[in-house]
Protein backbone atom coordinates (compact mmCIF):
# COMPACT_ATOMS: atom_id res chain seq x y z
CA MET A 1 -10.31 -98.71 -14.76
CA ALA A 2 -14.04 -98.03 -14.59
CA LYS A 3 -16.83 -97.87 -12.08
CA GLU A 4 -18.21 -101.22 -13.26
CA THR A 5 -15.18 -103.02 -11.76
CA MET A 6 -15.60 -101.41 -8.35
CA MET A 7 -16.75 -103.65 -5.51
CA SER A 8 -17.58 -102.82 -1.89
CA TRP A 9 -17.83 -104.72 1.39
CA GLN A 10 -19.44 -103.55 4.63
CA VAL A 11 -17.73 -104.35 7.92
CA GLY A 12 -19.88 -102.92 10.69
CA ASP A 13 -19.83 -99.16 10.16
CA VAL A 14 -16.86 -99.36 7.77
CA LYS A 15 -17.19 -99.57 3.98
CA ILE A 16 -14.27 -100.95 1.98
CA THR A 17 -14.21 -100.40 -1.79
CA ARG A 18 -11.70 -101.56 -4.36
CA ILE A 19 -10.64 -99.33 -7.27
CA VAL A 20 -9.14 -101.37 -10.11
CA GLU A 21 -6.51 -100.13 -12.55
CA ILE A 22 -5.68 -103.43 -14.30
CA TYR A 23 -8.48 -105.98 -14.38
CA ASN A 24 -8.22 -109.71 -15.06
CA PHE A 25 -4.49 -109.80 -15.72
CA THR A 26 -3.35 -113.34 -16.54
CA ASP A 27 0.11 -114.82 -16.28
CA ASN A 28 1.94 -118.02 -15.39
CA ILE A 29 1.48 -119.10 -11.78
CA ASN A 30 5.26 -119.05 -11.25
CA MET A 31 4.97 -115.28 -11.37
CA THR A 32 3.58 -115.71 -7.85
CA ILE A 33 4.84 -119.09 -6.58
CA SER A 34 8.29 -119.65 -8.02
CA ASP A 35 8.13 -123.44 -8.39
CA ALA A 36 4.40 -123.84 -9.13
CA THR A 37 3.14 -125.32 -12.38
CA PRO A 38 0.00 -124.92 -14.51
CA GLU A 39 -0.84 -128.55 -13.73
CA GLU A 40 -1.09 -127.70 -10.03
CA VAL A 41 -3.43 -124.83 -10.79
CA ILE A 42 -5.62 -127.01 -12.98
CA ALA A 43 -5.77 -129.66 -10.24
CA LEU A 44 -7.11 -127.20 -7.63
CA LYS A 45 -10.71 -127.20 -8.81
CA TRP A 46 -11.81 -124.51 -6.34
CA LEU A 47 -9.63 -121.96 -8.15
CA HIS A 48 -11.80 -122.28 -11.27
CA PRO A 49 -13.16 -120.30 -13.01
CA HIS A 50 -12.69 -117.22 -10.84
CA TYR A 51 -9.00 -117.33 -9.98
CA ALA A 52 -7.53 -119.34 -12.83
CA THR A 53 -7.88 -119.95 -16.55
CA PRO A 54 -8.64 -123.41 -17.97
CA ASP A 55 -4.99 -123.81 -19.03
CA GLY A 56 -3.68 -123.12 -15.53
CA GLN A 57 -2.75 -119.44 -15.62
CA GLN A 58 -3.51 -117.21 -12.66
CA ARG A 59 -6.03 -114.37 -12.85
CA MET A 60 -5.41 -111.24 -10.80
CA ASN A 61 -6.08 -107.51 -10.48
CA PHE A 62 -3.97 -104.47 -9.73
CA GLN A 63 -6.13 -102.35 -7.43
CA GLY A 64 -6.25 -99.98 -4.49
CA PHE A 65 -8.77 -99.65 -1.68
CA VAL A 66 -10.82 -96.93 -0.02
CA VAL A 67 -11.82 -97.41 3.61
CA GLN A 68 -14.69 -95.18 4.73
CA THR A 69 -15.69 -94.84 8.37
CA PRO A 70 -18.46 -92.51 9.55
CA ASP A 71 -15.88 -89.71 9.80
CA ARG A 72 -12.77 -90.82 7.90
CA ASN A 73 -11.75 -91.41 4.27
CA ILE A 74 -8.66 -93.60 4.04
CA VAL A 75 -6.90 -94.80 0.89
CA VAL A 76 -5.04 -98.09 1.39
CA ASP A 77 -2.45 -98.58 -1.36
CA SER A 78 -2.91 -96.10 -4.18
CA CYS A 79 -2.17 -98.49 -7.06
CA ILE A 80 -0.08 -97.65 -10.17
CA GLY A 81 -1.04 -94.18 -11.38
CA ALA A 82 -1.88 -92.83 -14.82
CA GLY A 83 0.64 -91.90 -17.50
CA ARG A 84 3.64 -93.48 -15.77
CA GLU A 85 6.66 -95.17 -17.31
CA ARG A 86 7.39 -98.43 -15.54
CA GLU A 87 9.54 -101.47 -16.27
CA PHE A 88 6.81 -103.53 -17.95
CA ASP A 89 4.53 -102.32 -20.73
CA VAL A 90 1.33 -103.41 -18.98
CA PHE A 91 1.95 -100.79 -16.27
CA CYS A 92 2.91 -97.93 -18.59
CA ASN A 93 0.74 -94.97 -19.59
CA LEU A 94 -2.42 -96.19 -17.90
CA PRO A 95 -5.48 -93.99 -18.44
CA GLU A 96 -7.01 -91.66 -15.90
CA GLY A 97 -9.90 -93.06 -13.90
CA PHE A 98 -8.79 -93.68 -10.33
CA LEU A 99 -9.87 -90.26 -9.05
CA GLN A 100 -13.13 -90.41 -11.00
CA ASP A 101 -13.92 -93.77 -9.41
CA LEU A 102 -13.10 -92.26 -6.04
CA GLU A 103 -15.48 -89.37 -6.75
CA SER A 104 -18.26 -91.86 -7.57
CA LEU A 105 -18.15 -92.74 -3.86
CA GLY A 106 -18.79 -89.10 -3.03
CA ILE A 107 -15.15 -88.53 -2.10
CA SER A 108 -13.03 -85.80 -3.66
CA ARG A 109 -9.27 -85.93 -3.40
CA GLU A 110 -9.52 -83.12 -0.84
CA ASP A 111 -11.73 -85.34 1.32
CA VAL A 112 -9.11 -88.06 1.81
CA ASP A 113 -7.53 -87.64 5.24
CA THR A 114 -5.13 -90.61 5.26
CA VAL A 115 -3.15 -92.63 2.73
CA MET A 116 -1.79 -95.91 4.10
CA CYS A 117 0.89 -97.72 2.09
CA THR A 118 1.33 -101.37 3.09
CA HIS A 119 4.71 -101.20 1.37
CA LEU A 120 6.46 -99.06 -1.22
CA HIS A 121 6.40 -101.03 -4.45
CA PHE A 122 5.36 -99.01 -7.50
CA ASP A 123 1.88 -100.54 -7.78
CA HIS A 124 0.96 -99.52 -4.24
CA VAL A 125 2.04 -95.86 -4.26
CA GLY A 126 1.15 -94.56 -7.73
CA TRP A 127 -1.69 -92.19 -6.92
CA ASN A 128 0.17 -90.76 -3.94
CA THR A 129 1.05 -88.05 -6.45
CA TYR A 130 -0.11 -86.62 -9.74
CA LYS A 131 1.85 -84.86 -12.47
CA ASP A 132 1.12 -81.15 -12.50
CA PRO A 133 0.44 -80.36 -16.18
CA ALA A 134 1.65 -76.80 -15.75
CA THR A 135 5.07 -77.65 -14.35
CA GLY A 136 5.60 -81.36 -15.03
CA GLU A 137 6.35 -81.84 -11.33
CA TYR A 138 4.82 -84.57 -9.17
CA ARG A 139 2.67 -83.21 -6.37
CA PRO A 140 0.64 -84.85 -3.57
CA THR A 141 -2.69 -86.01 -4.96
CA PHE A 142 -4.50 -85.74 -1.63
CA PRO A 143 -3.63 -82.31 -0.25
CA ASN A 144 -5.25 -82.76 3.16
CA ALA A 145 -4.00 -86.26 3.89
CA LYS A 146 -1.37 -87.77 6.13
CA TYR A 147 0.64 -90.34 4.20
CA LEU A 148 1.61 -93.28 6.39
CA PHE A 149 4.83 -95.09 5.49
CA GLY A 150 6.30 -97.86 7.62
CA LYS A 151 9.55 -96.62 9.14
CA THR A 152 11.30 -99.96 8.55
CA GLU A 153 10.04 -100.01 4.96
CA PHE A 154 10.99 -96.41 4.20
CA ASP A 155 14.45 -96.76 5.73
CA ALA A 156 15.14 -99.86 3.63
CA TRP A 157 14.26 -98.00 0.43
CA GLN A 158 16.34 -95.01 1.46
CA ASN A 159 19.38 -97.03 2.46
CA THR A 160 19.59 -99.95 0.04
CA LEU A 161 16.65 -100.84 -2.18
CA ARG A 162 16.56 -97.85 -4.50
CA SER A 163 20.24 -98.25 -5.30
CA ASP A 164 20.66 -102.04 -5.26
CA GLY A 165 20.72 -102.39 -9.04
CA ILE A 166 17.56 -104.50 -8.97
CA HIS A 167 14.81 -102.02 -8.14
CA ASN A 168 14.11 -99.07 -10.41
CA PRO A 169 13.89 -96.01 -8.13
CA ASN A 170 11.61 -93.97 -10.42
CA HIS A 171 8.46 -94.68 -8.42
CA MET A 172 10.15 -93.50 -5.23
CA ILE A 173 11.30 -90.31 -6.94
CA GLU A 174 7.83 -89.65 -8.36
CA CYS A 175 5.46 -91.02 -5.71
CA VAL A 176 7.21 -90.97 -2.33
CA ASP A 177 9.90 -88.27 -2.34
CA PRO A 178 7.42 -85.44 -3.12
CA ILE A 179 5.32 -86.50 -0.12
CA VAL A 180 8.33 -86.36 2.18
CA ALA A 181 9.44 -83.05 0.71
CA ALA A 182 5.99 -81.58 1.34
CA GLY A 183 6.14 -82.61 5.01
CA MET A 184 3.08 -84.84 4.60
CA ALA A 185 4.69 -88.18 5.48
CA GLN A 186 4.27 -89.88 8.84
CA PHE A 187 6.61 -92.78 9.57
CA ILE A 188 4.89 -95.49 11.59
CA ASP A 189 5.87 -98.59 13.52
CA ASN A 190 4.79 -102.10 12.55
CA TYR A 191 1.77 -101.93 14.85
CA HIS A 192 -0.09 -98.69 14.30
CA GLN A 193 -3.63 -97.44 14.85
CA ILE A 194 -4.70 -95.63 11.69
CA ALA A 195 -8.13 -94.86 13.11
CA PRO A 196 -10.28 -96.43 15.84
CA GLY A 197 -10.66 -100.09 14.86
CA ILE A 198 -8.24 -99.82 11.91
CA THR A 199 -4.71 -101.02 12.62
CA THR A 200 -1.62 -102.48 10.97
CA GLU A 201 0.11 -105.78 11.66
CA PRO A 202 3.60 -106.72 10.45
CA SER A 203 4.01 -109.25 7.64
CA HIS A 204 7.60 -108.74 6.58
CA GLY A 205 9.19 -110.70 3.76
CA HIS A 206 7.71 -109.38 0.55
CA THR A 207 9.53 -106.20 1.55
CA PRO A 208 11.54 -105.50 4.72
CA GLY A 209 8.74 -103.56 6.42
CA HIS A 210 5.55 -104.88 4.82
CA VAL A 211 2.35 -104.63 6.88
CA HIS A 212 -1.28 -105.59 6.35
CA VAL A 213 -4.34 -103.64 7.49
CA CYS A 214 -6.94 -104.93 9.96
CA ILE A 215 -10.46 -103.49 10.25
CA GLU A 216 -12.87 -104.14 13.11
CA SER A 217 -16.29 -102.52 13.61
CA LYS A 218 -19.34 -103.63 15.57
CA GLY A 219 -17.94 -107.11 16.09
CA GLU A 220 -17.16 -107.66 12.40
CA ARG A 221 -13.61 -107.99 11.10
CA ALA A 222 -11.70 -107.79 7.82
CA VAL A 223 -8.08 -107.64 6.73
CA ILE A 224 -6.49 -106.19 3.57
CA THR A 225 -3.49 -108.36 2.75
CA GLY A 226 -1.18 -106.04 0.87
CA ASP A 227 1.35 -108.21 -0.98
CA LEU A 228 1.65 -110.72 1.83
CA MET A 229 0.08 -112.90 -0.86
CA HIS A 230 -0.85 -112.27 -4.48
CA HIS A 231 -3.14 -115.16 -5.34
CA PRO A 232 -5.69 -117.33 -3.48
CA MET A 233 -3.60 -120.44 -4.22
CA GLN A 234 -1.20 -119.18 -1.54
CA CYS A 235 -3.89 -119.66 1.10
CA ALA A 236 -3.63 -123.40 0.42
CA MET A 237 0.17 -123.46 0.35
CA PRO A 238 1.52 -120.45 2.30
CA HIS A 239 4.82 -122.26 2.90
CA ARG A 240 5.74 -122.20 -0.78
CA THR A 241 8.32 -119.65 -1.89
CA ALA A 242 6.87 -116.45 -3.36
CA THR A 243 8.71 -115.18 -6.42
CA PHE A 244 8.76 -111.51 -5.49
CA ASP A 245 9.47 -111.82 -1.77
CA MET A 246 12.72 -110.03 -1.03
CA ASP A 247 13.27 -112.23 2.05
CA LYS A 248 11.95 -115.67 1.06
CA ASP A 249 12.11 -117.20 4.55
CA ALA A 250 10.41 -114.24 6.21
CA GLY A 251 7.72 -114.23 3.52
CA ARG A 252 6.95 -117.91 4.07
CA ASN A 253 6.79 -117.37 7.81
CA SER A 254 4.50 -114.32 7.47
CA ARG A 255 2.10 -116.14 5.13
CA THR A 256 1.96 -119.25 7.28
CA THR A 257 1.34 -117.18 10.41
CA PHE A 258 -1.35 -115.19 8.61
CA VAL A 259 -3.18 -118.27 7.30
CA ASP A 260 -2.98 -120.01 10.69
CA LYS A 261 -4.39 -116.91 12.39
CA TYR A 262 -7.24 -116.15 9.99
CA LYS A 263 -8.40 -119.54 8.72
CA ASP A 264 -11.80 -120.61 10.07
CA SER A 265 -12.00 -117.27 11.92
CA GLY A 266 -14.86 -115.66 10.00
CA VAL A 267 -12.62 -112.68 9.24
CA VAL A 268 -13.14 -111.33 5.72
CA VAL A 269 -9.83 -111.50 3.87
CA ILE A 270 -9.46 -108.96 1.05
CA GLY A 271 -6.63 -109.91 -1.28
CA ALA A 272 -4.79 -106.91 -2.66
CA HIS A 273 -4.38 -108.63 -6.04
CA PHE A 274 -7.18 -111.21 -5.92
CA PHE A 275 -9.52 -111.33 -8.90
CA ASP A 276 -13.30 -111.63 -8.42
CA PRO A 277 -14.41 -112.22 -5.74
CA THR A 278 -11.58 -110.24 -4.16
CA ALA A 279 -12.92 -110.83 -0.63
CA GLY A 280 -13.66 -114.09 1.09
CA HIS A 281 -12.76 -116.43 3.95
CA ILE A 282 -9.86 -118.80 4.45
CA ASN A 283 -11.50 -122.07 5.47
CA THR A 284 -10.50 -125.63 6.25
CA HIS A 285 -12.44 -128.14 4.14
CA GLY A 286 -10.76 -131.28 5.44
CA GLU A 287 -7.50 -132.35 6.96
CA GLY A 288 -4.79 -130.44 5.16
CA ASP A 289 -7.26 -128.87 2.73
CA VAL A 290 -7.29 -125.09 3.14
CA ARG A 291 -9.05 -122.93 0.57
CA PHE A 292 -10.00 -119.35 -0.11
CA ASP A 293 -13.80 -119.22 -0.37
CA GLY A 294 -14.72 -116.06 -2.27
CA LEU A 295 -17.80 -114.26 -1.02
CA GLY A 296 -20.85 -115.09 -3.06
CA LEU A 297 -19.47 -118.33 -4.51
């Protein structure tokens, strides 16, 4: 997108930075919560103006994250990718910019040592690869990195999801298969230590093997949600059915467990698709009133 949309948060010795490819995307709230209405969005005053429009549409970003420790450079979810053909026009033929934004942090693509994919939807794996202009082939973007794919997640895409007639397999062919072919993929369990203080936790439902990423350093904690949730409204109503969850019951259970665990905890929650402020706390404001309080609001 551009450096001006980048935003960073410090968690102890760890710096987390978002890199945005689609900024301030608006759509009907039932894109996220299948039975939600604009009237509900309008009624939740704390969503305005940052997370909703006056007429009750949701505001969101499509973005990836860079996690920098004193000795590691980790990409968490590599977003959509430039020049791709995807099912919806908004995701097609995006401009370059992701790697330039990365370089503005002082990180070249050779400096990235790990790429962690919370799941394997197209908007979380795009910059795993780039299209070689000389050959037209897709090659690993980060030549010195390990690419971490959940074993449950990867197996589901191999066995059923890419051939189920619902999911277009192009992003797997372009952004995942070349990583496996190059021998750069590492298949991980639900609970995995990416680096000291940086771990995954399972949050299945959106996809069969979805995980979120937990960061702890010097007594401070944060969590990157992945697509466990797409919009802050889901912090208030995690039990509601999410439109794009493949397993609706598991998704509801994962969200409810997540909100119960992290509300009133002081842990910084970084929403993978949350608009500005992307990071904040899940807090109880009264009996039955749970909100996402964006940092700086």
